[in-house]
Amino acid sequence: METKDAIARRAALELANGEVVNLGFGMPTAVANHIPEGVNVILQSENGCLMFGPTPALGEQDGDVANAGGQPITLLPGASIFDLATSFGIIRGGHVDTTILGALEVDQEGCIANWAMPVAPGKYSPGMGGAMDLVGGARKVVAVLQHADKKGRSKVLKKCTLPITGKGVLKTIITDKAVFEVTPTGLVLKEIAPELTVDELKAITDADFAVSQDLCEYRLHS
């Protein structure tokens, strides 16, 4: 299984029956393909869709219906399509139970940076999108990201270095190496990849973290 697909599969286990769930741009959009059996959620896309399902089979897609990343989606019975004003009314009105967002960096204080990469002095790309609304409007914010960047540097930090999307908003951090719960006293390691020991994880993680008494192997199934 590819790394990003495994992260999306693990993130889907965070969802509870009956929740309204927003899936952000990038890796989170794949969560729609991994909703556990028996868990019925209402998926919401910030570009104006409610009640969609997994990616349709090739040839069955509708070019006018897409997720936050512009990828085709399947509309479920009762689905609706609406404008951005209505979509952000749902988000800002506190009607989203859980949002799963991609991240460039996260830190041990529960901060997330996911909208700005520096491309020149004082200039950033690609832009914030709806992330700042989501971290303020959703009841639970889950960050998904690879544990390290292309140079092998930890993306789970003591303190974010990029512009912050939301301060102290995260409840859960999911990487390809571990799952952390964010608590008022810092990160708590809940799950770890089977190929790693706790000491090995600490060696590749900038952030400090405690280890749960119920630490278990990284889960891909409920």
Foldseek 3Di string as FASTA:
>chain_A
DDFLLLLLLLVLVVAAAAFEEEQAEDSSLQVLVRNAPPHDYWYAALQFKIAWGHQDDPPPFDQVDDHNHSGTIGHDPPMDGDHNVVSLCCLLVQRGAEYEEEAQAAEFLGWTHRAFDDPDVVDTDDGDPCLLSNLVRYNAYEYEYAQADPVLAGRYANDDPDDTSDGSRHQWYTHSAFIWGRDNVTTETAEGAPVDDPVRVVVSHHYDYHYDPNYYYRDSHD
